[in-house]
Amino acid sequence: MSIVISSIKNYRSSAQKVRGLTRLIKGLSVEKALDNLIYSKQKAAGMLRKLLESAIANAENNNGYDIDELKVNNLIVDEGVTLKRFRARAKGRGTRILKRTCHVKIELLNQETE
């Protein structure tokens, strides 16, 4: 058994929103995980689908693994850099707007049948 890793950094969504999607696909086979992400309505599902497809391509082209034997082993979502902006408010004041980002790392496990 071996692991293939793919990651994306500074994705413009909060880590909390992306973590909700990771529960849908963790521990599933690659085929079922892709199906779950394709039919999900959340914005981050498109990014996770592309990241999963990238990890599958890495496993197939770089390591020569069979796609049918791949399984989503782990998904790690960490907070990234937060962009700080200001919005004008009444009486010359301003309030802070936090535009959050996250780093996502996916690990695929190759289960070889012997």
C-alpha atoms as a PDB file:
ATOM      1  CA  MET A   1       0.000   0.000   0.000  1.00  0.00           C
ATOM      2  CA  SER A   2       1.252   3.447  -0.892  1.00  0.00           C
ATOM      3  CA  ILE A   3       0.005   7.023  -0.708  1.00  0.00           C
ATOM      4  CA  VAL A   4      -0.318   9.732  -3.384  1.00  0.00           C
ATOM      5  CA  ILE A   5      -0.633  13.368  -2.277  1.00  0.00           C
ATOM      6  CA  SER A   6      -2.016  16.424  -4.060  1.00  0.00           C
ATOM      7  CA  SER A   7      -2.643  19.888  -2.597  1.00  0.00           C
ATOM      8  CA  ILE A   8      -3.954  23.379  -3.266  1.00  0.00           C
ATOM      9  CA  LYS A   9      -2.976  26.509  -1.361  1.00  0.00           C
ATOM     10  CA  ASN A  10      -4.762  29.820  -0.724  1.00  0.00           C
ATOM     11  CA  TYR A  11      -8.199  28.738  -1.976  1.00  0.00           C
ATOM     12  CA  ARG A  12     -10.629  31.619  -1.450  1.00  0.00           C
ATOM     13  CA  SER A  13     -13.069  29.981   0.921  1.00  0.00           C
ATOM     14  CA  SER A  14     -13.022  29.544   4.661  1.00  0.00           C
ATOM     15  CA  ALA A  15     -11.654  26.298   6.040  1.00  0.00           C
ATOM     16  CA  GLN A  16     -14.893  25.683   7.925  1.00  0.00           C
ATOM     17  CA  LYS A  17     -16.928  25.559   4.706  1.00  0.00           C
ATOM     18  CA  VAL A  18     -14.508  23.183   2.990  1.00  0.00           C
ATOM     19  CA  ARG A  19     -14.305  20.848   6.012  1.00  0.00           C
ATOM     20  CA  GLY A  20     -18.022  20.154   5.690  1.00  0.00           C
ATOM     21  CA  LEU A  21     -17.428  18.652   2.263  1.00  0.00           C
ATOM     22  CA  THR A  22     -14.498  16.531   3.367  1.00  0.00           C
ATOM     23  CA  ARG A  23     -16.840  14.459   5.514  1.00  0.00           C
ATOM     24  CA  LEU A  24     -18.703  13.429   2.343  1.00  0.00           C
ATOM     25  CA  ILE A  25     -15.735  11.785   0.638  1.00  0.00           C
ATOM     26  CA  LYS A  26     -13.300  10.665   3.334  1.00  0.00           C
ATOM     27  CA  GLY A  27     -12.790   6.910   3.293  1.00  0.00           C
ATOM     28  CA  LEU A  28     -14.664   6.312   0.026  1.00  0.00           C
ATOM     29  CA  SER A  29     -13.399   4.867  -3.212  1.00  0.00           C
ATOM     30  CA  VAL A  30     -12.335   7.433  -5.791  1.00  0.00           C
ATOM     31  CA  GLU A  31     -15.328   6.739  -8.029  1.00  0.00           C
ATOM     32  CA  LYS A  32     -17.901   7.257  -5.253  1.00  0.00           C
ATOM     33  CA  ALA A  33     -16.088  10.361  -3.990  1.00  0.00           C
ATOM     34  CA  LEU A  34     -16.206  11.935  -7.473  1.00  0.00           C
ATOM     35  CA  ASP A  35     -19.931  11.175  -7.737  1.00  0.00           C
ATOM     36  CA  ASN A  36     -20.589  12.844  -4.370  1.00  0.00           C
ATOM     37  CA  LEU A  37     -18.659  15.951  -5.386  1.00  0.00           C
ATOM     38  CA  ILE A  38     -20.259  16.244  -8.828  1.00  0.00           C
ATOM     39  CA  TYR A  39     -23.775  16.337  -7.365  1.00  0.00           C
ATOM     40  CA  SER A  40     -22.963  18.588  -4.406  1.00  0.00           C
ATOM     41  CA  LYS A  41     -24.312  22.147  -4.622  1.00  0.00           C
ATOM     42  CA  GLN A  42     -21.577  23.826  -2.589  1.00  0.00           C
ATOM     43  CA  LYS A  43     -19.015  26.088  -4.257  1.00  0.00           C
ATOM     44  CA  ALA A  44     -16.003  24.279  -2.800  1.00  0.00           C
ATOM     45  CA  ALA A  45     -17.163  20.969  -4.315  1.00  0.00           C
ATOM     46  CA  GLY A  46     -15.854  22.044  -7.722  1.00  0.00           C
ATOM     47  CA  MET A  47     -12.413  22.767  -6.294  1.00  0.00           C
ATOM     48  CA  LEU A  48     -12.320  19.472  -4.378  1.00  0.00           C
ATOM     49  CA  ARG A  49     -13.363  17.594  -7.510  1.00  0.00           C
ATOM     50  CA  LYS A  50     -10.523  19.165  -9.515  1.00  0.00           C
ATOM     51  CA  LEU A  51      -8.075  18.399  -6.707  1.00  0.00           C
ATOM     52  CA  LEU A  52      -9.236  14.784  -6.543  1.00  0.00           C
ATOM     53  CA  GLU A  53      -8.930  14.430 -10.328  1.00  0.00           C
ATOM     54  CA  SER A  54      -5.409  15.870 -10.117  1.00  0.00           C
ATOM     55  CA  ALA A  55      -4.458  13.352  -7.432  1.00  0.00           C
ATOM     56  CA  ILE A  56      -5.905  10.535  -9.566  1.00  0.00           C
ATOM     57  CA  ALA A  57      -3.881  11.711 -12.574  1.00  0.00           C
ATOM     58  CA  ASN A  58      -0.736  11.875 -10.413  1.00  0.00           C
ATOM     59  CA  ALA A  59      -1.310   8.333  -9.195  1.00  0.00           C
ATOM     60  CA  GLU A  60      -1.964   6.992 -12.682  1.00  0.00           C
ATOM     61  CA  ASN A  61       0.767   8.803 -14.626  1.00  0.00           C
ATOM     62  CA  ASN A  62       3.583   9.147 -12.093  1.00  0.00           C
ATOM     63  CA  ASN A  63       3.191   5.889 -10.179  1.00  0.00           C
ATOM     64  CA  GLY A  64       1.298   3.635 -12.603  1.00  0.00           C
ATOM     65  CA  TYR A  65      -1.504   2.777 -10.169  1.00  0.00           C
ATOM     66  CA  ASP A  66      -4.876   1.385 -11.232  1.00  0.00           C
ATOM     67  CA  ILE A  67      -7.715   3.882 -10.694  1.00  0.00           C
ATOM     68  CA  ASP A  68     -10.116   1.200  -9.465  1.00  0.00           C
ATOM     69  CA  GLU A  69      -7.867   0.425  -6.488  1.00  0.00           C
ATOM     70  CA  LEU A  70      -7.560   4.019  -5.224  1.00  0.00           C
ATOM     71  CA  LYS A  71      -9.333   5.188  -2.079  1.00  0.00           C
ATOM     72  CA  VAL A  72      -9.495   8.615  -0.392  1.00  0.00           C
ATOM     73  CA  ASN A  73      -7.380   8.055   2.694  1.00  0.00           C
ATOM     74  CA  ASN A  74      -7.197  11.497   4.278  1.00  0.00           C
ATOM     75  CA  LEU A  75      -8.203  15.106   3.658  1.00  0.00           C
ATOM     76  CA  ILE A  76      -6.534  17.904   5.577  1.00  0.00           C
ATOM     77  CA  VAL A  77      -7.950  21.446   5.507  1.00  0.00           C
ATOM     78  CA  ASP A  78      -5.902  24.170   7.210  1.00  0.00           C
ATOM     79  CA  GLU A  79      -6.454  27.897   7.433  1.00  0.00           C
ATOM     80  CA  GLY A  80      -4.466  30.031   5.028  1.00  0.00           C
ATOM     81  CA  VAL A  81      -3.673  33.715   4.844  1.00  0.00           C
ATOM     82  CA  THR A  82      -6.533  36.043   5.788  1.00  0.00           C
ATOM     83  CA  LEU A  83      -6.963  39.149   3.635  1.00  0.00           C
ATOM     84  CA  LYS A  84      -8.011  42.134   5.747  1.00  0.00           C
ATOM     85  CA  ARG A  85     -10.199  44.783   4.132  1.00  0.00           C
ATOM     86  CA  PHE A  86     -12.266  47.705   5.420  1.00  0.00           C
ATOM     87  CA  ARG A  87     -15.804  48.812   4.638  1.00  0.00           C
ATOM     88  CA  ALA A  88     -16.989  52.379   5.203  1.00  0.00           C
ATOM     89  CA  ARG A  89     -19.572  52.790   7.947  1.00  0.00           C
ATOM     90  CA  ALA A  90     -21.526  55.664   9.429  1.00  0.00           C
ATOM     91  CA  LYS A  91     -19.846  58.711  11.049  1.00  0.00           C
ATOM     92  CA  GLY A  92     -16.509  58.179   9.322  1.00  0.00           C
ATOM     93  CA  ARG A  93     -15.887  54.788  10.853  1.00  0.00           C
ATOM     94  CA  GLY A  94     -14.815  51.591   9.174  1.00  0.00           C
ATOM     95  CA  THR A  95     -15.334  47.915   9.956  1.00  0.00           C
ATOM     96  CA  ARG A  96     -12.980  45.110   9.149  1.00  0.00           C
ATOM     97  CA  ILE A  97     -13.854  42.475   6.563  1.00  0.00           C
ATOM     98  CA  LEU A  98     -11.915  39.212   6.780  1.00  0.00           C
ATOM     99  CA  LYS A  99     -11.530  37.339   3.506  1.00  0.00           C
ATOM    100  CA  ARG A 100     -10.380  33.904   4.552  1.00  0.00           C
ATOM    101  CA  THR A 101      -8.418  31.335   2.565  1.00  0.00           C
ATOM    102  CA  CYS A 102      -7.516  27.708   3.171  1.00  0.00           C
ATOM    103  CA  HIS A 103      -4.976  25.058   2.219  1.00  0.00           C
ATOM    104  CA  VAL A 104      -6.326  21.631   1.211  1.00  0.00           C
ATOM    105  CA  LYS A 105      -4.295  18.420   0.998  1.00  0.00           C
ATOM    106  CA  ILE A 106      -5.689  15.105  -0.242  1.00  0.00           C
ATOM    107  CA  GLU A 107      -4.117  11.681   0.211  1.00  0.00           C
ATOM    108  CA  LEU A 108      -5.080   8.702  -1.938  1.00  0.00           C
ATOM    109  CA  LEU A 109      -4.314   5.181  -0.806  1.00  0.00           C
ATOM    110  CA  ASN A 110      -3.510   2.453  -3.314  1.00  0.00           C
ATOM    111  CA  GLN A 111      -4.970  -0.871  -2.177  1.00  0.00           C
ATOM    112  CA  GLU A 112      -3.225  -3.585  -4.147  1.00  0.00           C
ATOM    113  CA  THR A 113      -5.097  -6.838  -4.460  1.00  0.00           C
ATOM    114  CA  GLU A 114      -2.849  -9.833  -3.947  1.00  0.00           C
END
